Structures are given as C-alpha cells and as structure tokens.
Amino acid sequence: MKNGTIQFRFLFHLSIALFISLIAVNLKYLFFIGLFFSGMHIAHAQEISFKDTVEAYNSKRIKINATGMKVLCSWGIANIADGGIGYFTAKQDEWKYFHEMNALWGVVNTGIAVFSLGTVRKEMALKLNYDQSYDRYKATKKLYLINAGLDVVYMATGLGLLKYGENTKNNPAIFNGFGKSIVMQGAALFIFDNFMYSAHARYNYRWFRIMDEITLGANGIGIRHSFK
C-alpha cells in the first residue's frame, strides 16, 4: 500500500507538471493568433523594404523567445514555491528530497529565464543585417534542439537514480526522491523545448523566401512580400 501511494503521488505530480507545461507553452499560440488578427488590416501583398522584412522576422524571433522565457520563469517560480512548501510539510524523506530537487530546478530555471529576459531590450536595439539575423535565427533553433537532447539525458539520469534506489539499502530515499524529480523536470523541459523549436521553425519558409522576393524598383532594392 505504501509503494502504491508513493507511485500514485509521483504520477500525480508528473501529470500536473506536464499539464501545466502544455498549457503554458501553448501561450505562444495565443501570441501568434494575436499577431494574425492585428495584421488583418495589412494588404495581402505590398511593397516593403528588404531591411524592414528582416527586422520584422528578427523581432518575431526575439518576441517568441521572450514569451518562452516568461513561461519558463513562471514554471521555475511555481517549482520554488511548491518545492519549498512540500519540503517542510512532507512526512517521508523520499518526498522531502523530491520537493528539494524541484525547488533547486526552479531556482536554476528562474535564473536562466530572468537573465534571458534582461537581454531582450539590448537584442531588440541591435541593428543586424540579413546574414546576422538569419544566423541568430538558426542558432536559436539549434539551441532548443540541443536542450531537447539534454532533456532526454536528464530523464535517463532520473530513471537511473530510481533504478539504483530500488537496489540499494544506503539511503534509497534520496535516490528515489531526486530521481522522480529529475524525470519530471526533464519531461516538462522536453515538452517546452520542442514547442519552442516548433514555434521558431514555422518561420523557415519565410526566411527562405526573402531572397527570392527581391525586386528592383525606382527607389532601390525592395521586396514584395505577402504576410500570411
């Protein structure tokens, strides 16, 4: 019965974490829907400058990252709060370790998010050319792919700790508690990083089309681009 209760509590926490992650990360869709309706007044095709188009796409990249970091920050703060409360209220050592590790992950995630949000204004002020903007776009996608790979490593590490905790008599509670937390955090971040990668990757074809849409007009080089 005791093991059954522990398994249920772990699955409950994991389910809640994944559910919150899915809801939070899907905020980016609200962002895209808002962009769509705010742009309804723009004509389907219009003459705009090549520079403005590059700046617009680069701005979207920065805004997507900022939205994601706000989600990550919220997730981190939630883990700090829940982890702190859980640590002091849990009656079993295993759950104390579980909440302790969640709080530590919350501190790290919140720190990363706050630092990233602090660089948004500086990045928006940068004047980047096409090559620099596109390089940053590719680097951003690569970063989330690398992070997703690390998330798999986190989950595997957590499962390894759980397995070790089952077979050791030397304080198994710490291995089981830390292991469950790492599996949950890795799964949540895996969902987050994949959604963030997808949010950026949906602009691939727009970047590819920029060079193909260059036109030569009386006022110099520009492009005819359709916002969809």
Protein backbone atom coordinates (compact mmCIF):
# COMPACT_ATOMS: atom_id res chain seq x y z
CA MET A 1 0.00 0.00 0.00
CA LYS A 2 2.85 2.35 0.86
CA ASN A 3 4.55 1.79 -2.51
CA GLY A 4 1.22 2.22 -4.27
CA THR A 5 0.66 5.55 -2.56
CA ILE A 6 4.16 6.74 -3.47
CA GLN A 7 3.70 5.71 -7.10
CA PHE A 8 0.34 7.49 -7.22
CA ARG A 9 1.78 10.70 -5.77
CA PHE A 10 4.66 10.67 -8.23
CA LEU A 11 2.38 10.08 -11.23
CA PHE A 12 0.07 12.80 -9.94
CA HIS A 13 2.91 15.35 -9.70
CA LEU A 14 4.23 14.29 -13.10
CA SER A 15 0.79 14.63 -14.71
CA ILE A 16 0.28 18.08 -13.19
CA ALA A 17 3.71 19.17 -14.35
CA LEU A 18 3.15 18.00 -17.92
CA PHE A 19 -0.33 19.54 -17.99
CA ILE A 20 0.95 22.93 -16.77
CA SER A 21 3.80 22.78 -19.28
CA LEU A 22 1.45 22.06 -22.18
CA ILE A 23 -0.89 24.88 -21.18
CA ALA A 24 1.93 27.34 -20.53
CA VAL A 25 3.90 26.65 -23.68
CA ASN A 26 0.74 26.89 -25.76
CA LEU A 27 0.59 30.57 -24.81
CA LYS A 28 2.72 31.07 -27.88
CA TYR A 29 -0.30 30.14 -30.00
CA LEU A 30 -2.24 32.99 -28.40
CA PHE A 31 0.68 35.21 -29.36
CA PHE A 32 0.51 34.07 -32.99
CA ILE A 33 -3.29 34.42 -33.09
CA GLY A 34 -2.92 37.98 -31.79
CA LEU A 35 -0.39 38.75 -34.50
CA PHE A 36 -2.74 37.35 -37.12
CA PHE A 37 -5.74 39.46 -36.13
CA SER A 38 -3.65 42.58 -35.57
CA GLY A 39 -2.31 42.19 -39.08
CA MET A 40 -5.69 41.74 -40.80
CA HIS A 41 -5.63 45.35 -41.96
CA ILE A 42 -2.41 44.80 -43.89
CA ALA A 43 -2.91 44.16 -47.60
CA HIS A 44 -2.18 40.64 -48.85
CA ALA A 45 0.72 41.94 -50.93
CA GLN A 46 2.56 45.20 -50.55
CA GLU A 47 5.88 46.80 -51.33
CA ILE A 48 8.07 46.83 -48.25
CA SER A 49 11.77 47.26 -47.84
CA PHE A 50 14.13 44.32 -47.58
CA LYS A 51 15.52 45.78 -44.35
CA ASP A 52 12.09 46.11 -42.75
CA THR A 53 11.26 42.49 -43.54
CA VAL A 54 14.48 41.20 -41.99
CA GLU A 55 13.91 43.35 -38.92
CA ALA A 56 10.32 42.11 -38.63
CA TYR A 57 11.35 38.45 -38.67
CA ASN A 58 14.19 39.07 -36.25
CA SER A 59 11.78 40.89 -33.95
CA LYS A 60 9.41 37.92 -34.06
CA ARG A 61 12.26 35.60 -33.09
CA ILE A 62 13.07 37.77 -30.07
CA LYS A 63 9.42 38.04 -29.02
CA ILE A 64 8.92 34.27 -29.24
CA ASN A 65 11.96 33.77 -27.03
CA ALA A 66 10.70 36.39 -24.58
CA THR A 67 7.30 34.66 -24.35
CA GLY A 68 9.01 31.33 -23.78
CA MET A 69 11.23 32.76 -21.05
CA LYS A 70 8.19 34.17 -19.26
CA VAL A 71 6.67 30.69 -19.31
CA LEU A 72 9.93 29.18 -18.04
CA CYS A 73 10.14 31.81 -15.31
CA SER A 74 6.58 31.03 -14.18
CA TRP A 75 7.38 27.32 -14.14
CA GLY A 76 10.51 27.99 -12.11
CA ILE A 77 8.74 30.15 -9.54
CA ALA A 78 5.98 27.54 -9.20
CA ASN A 79 8.59 24.87 -8.50
CA ILE A 80 10.35 27.04 -5.93
CA ALA A 81 7.07 27.68 -4.10
CA ASP A 82 5.76 24.12 -4.33
CA GLY A 83 9.17 22.65 -3.57
CA GLY A 84 9.66 24.83 -0.50
CA ILE A 85 6.21 24.08 0.90
CA GLY A 86 6.49 20.39 0.05
CA TYR A 87 9.90 20.06 1.67
CA PHE A 88 8.71 21.39 5.03
CA THR A 89 5.37 19.56 5.00
CA ALA A 90 6.36 16.16 3.61
CA LYS A 91 6.41 13.41 6.21
CA GLN A 92 8.53 10.96 4.24
CA ASP A 93 12.19 11.53 3.43
CA GLU A 94 11.68 10.50 -0.19
CA TRP A 95 9.20 13.30 -0.75
CA LYS A 96 11.36 15.79 1.08
CA TYR A 97 14.15 15.02 -1.40
CA PHE A 98 11.66 15.16 -4.28
CA HIS A 99 10.49 18.65 -3.36
CA GLU A 100 14.02 19.80 -2.54
CA MET A 101 15.21 18.88 -6.03
CA ASN A 102 12.16 20.56 -7.60
CA ALA A 103 13.00 23.77 -5.73
CA LEU A 104 16.61 23.62 -6.95
CA TRP A 105 15.45 23.18 -10.55
CA GLY A 106 13.10 26.10 -10.01
CA VAL A 107 15.98 28.34 -8.92
CA VAL A 108 18.04 27.40 -11.99
CA ASN A 109 15.16 27.78 -14.46
CA THR A 110 14.08 31.10 -12.96
CA GLY A 111 17.65 32.40 -13.09
CA ILE A 112 18.04 31.43 -16.75
CA ALA A 113 14.69 33.00 -17.64
CA VAL A 114 15.35 36.27 -15.79
CA PHE A 115 18.79 36.62 -17.36
CA SER A 116 17.38 35.95 -20.84
CA LEU A 117 14.54 38.43 -20.38
CA GLY A 118 17.09 41.01 -19.27
CA THR A 119 18.83 40.78 -22.65
CA VAL A 120 15.67 41.27 -24.73
CA ARG A 121 15.85 45.08 -24.81
CA LYS A 122 19.52 45.01 -25.82
CA GLU A 123 18.84 42.49 -28.55
CA MET A 124 15.91 44.48 -29.92
CA ALA A 125 18.17 47.56 -30.15
CA LEU A 126 20.81 45.78 -32.22
CA LYS A 127 20.95 46.66 -35.92
CA LEU A 128 21.58 43.35 -37.64
CA ASN A 129 21.89 42.72 -41.37
CA TYR A 130 20.28 39.78 -43.13
CA ASP A 131 23.16 37.36 -42.57
CA GLN A 132 23.46 38.22 -38.88
CA SER A 133 19.72 37.95 -38.33
CA TYR A 134 19.48 34.63 -40.12
CA ASP A 135 22.50 33.27 -38.24
CA ARG A 136 20.82 34.12 -34.94
CA TYR A 137 17.62 32.50 -36.13
CA LYS A 138 19.46 29.26 -36.95
CA ALA A 139 21.42 29.41 -33.69
CA THR A 140 18.17 29.79 -31.72
CA LYS A 141 16.65 26.70 -33.31
CA LYS A 142 19.84 24.73 -32.72
CA LEU A 143 19.87 25.78 -29.07
CA TYR A 144 16.39 24.37 -28.44
CA LEU A 145 17.28 21.14 -30.26
CA ILE A 146 20.38 20.75 -28.09
CA ASN A 147 18.32 21.48 -25.00
CA ALA A 148 15.77 18.84 -26.02
CA GLY A 149 18.62 16.33 -26.29
CA LEU A 150 19.83 17.30 -22.82
CA ASP A 151 16.29 16.85 -21.51
CA VAL A 152 16.40 13.22 -22.64
CA VAL A 153 19.67 12.83 -20.74
CA TYR A 154 18.02 14.32 -17.64
CA MET A 155 15.14 11.85 -17.83
CA ALA A 156 17.52 8.94 -18.35
CA THR A 157 19.57 10.10 -15.36
CA GLY A 158 16.44 10.29 -13.22
CA LEU A 159 15.38 6.80 -14.25
CA GLY A 160 18.88 5.58 -13.46
CA LEU A 161 18.66 7.04 -9.96
CA LEU A 162 15.28 5.40 -9.45
CA LYS A 163 16.67 2.05 -10.53
CA TYR A 164 19.63 2.45 -8.22
CA GLY A 165 17.34 3.44 -5.35
CA GLU A 166 15.41 0.20 -5.77
CA ASN A 167 18.56 -1.89 -5.38
CA THR A 168 20.43 -0.09 -2.60
CA LYS A 169 19.97 -0.04 1.13
CA ASN A 170 22.20 3.02 1.54
CA ASN A 171 19.64 5.84 1.89
CA PRO A 172 17.37 4.83 -1.05
CA ALA A 173 15.01 7.73 -0.25
CA ILE A 174 17.43 10.31 -1.65
CA PHE A 175 17.88 8.40 -4.92
CA ASN A 176 14.15 7.81 -5.35
CA GLY A 177 13.22 11.38 -4.45
CA PHE A 178 15.85 13.02 -6.64
CA GLY A 179 15.21 10.54 -9.44
CA LYS A 180 11.49 11.24 -9.61
CA SER A 181 12.08 14.98 -9.59
CA ILE A 182 14.66 14.82 -12.38
CA VAL A 183 12.39 12.66 -14.54
CA MET A 184 9.52 15.12 -14.06
CA GLN A 185 11.65 18.20 -14.71
CA GLY A 186 13.27 16.62 -17.76
CA ALA A 187 9.87 15.70 -19.22
CA ALA A 188 8.50 19.22 -18.66
CA LEU A 189 11.55 20.84 -20.25
CA PHE A 190 11.45 18.37 -23.14
CA ILE A 191 7.92 19.49 -23.97
CA PHE A 192 8.90 23.15 -23.54
CA ASP A 193 12.00 22.95 -25.77
CA ASN A 194 10.16 21.08 -28.51
CA PHE A 195 7.35 23.62 -28.56
CA MET A 196 9.86 26.47 -28.66
CA TYR A 197 11.73 24.84 -31.54
CA SER A 198 8.45 24.36 -33.43
CA ALA A 199 7.46 27.99 -32.80
CA HIS A 200 10.66 29.17 -34.49
CA ALA A 201 10.76 26.51 -37.22
CA ARG A 202 7.37 27.60 -38.55
CA TYR A 203 9.15 30.69 -39.96
CA ASN A 204 11.63 28.67 -42.01
CA TYR A 205 9.90 29.18 -45.32
CA ARG A 206 9.53 32.93 -44.73
CA TRP A 207 13.27 33.34 -44.27
CA PHE A 208 13.90 31.24 -47.38
CA ARG A 209 11.50 33.37 -49.42
CA ILE A 210 13.13 36.69 -48.56
CA MET A 211 15.95 36.40 -51.08
CA ASP A 212 13.61 35.10 -53.79
CA GLU A 213 11.25 38.05 -53.43
CA ILE A 214 13.77 40.85 -54.02
CA THR A 215 12.54 43.30 -56.66
CA LEU A 216 14.28 46.24 -58.26
CA GLY A 217 12.28 49.43 -58.12
CA ALA A 218 12.74 53.14 -58.74
CA ASN A 219 13.71 53.72 -55.13
CA GLY A 220 16.24 50.91 -55.00
CA ILE A 221 16.05 47.34 -53.83
CA GLY A 222 12.91 46.16 -52.09
CA ILE A 223 10.74 43.09 -51.87
CA ARG A 224 7.16 42.21 -52.47
CA HIS A 225 6.11 40.03 -49.58
CA SER A 226 2.80 38.53 -48.55
CA PHE A 227 2.08 38.33 -44.83
CA LYS A 228 0.16 35.17 -44.10
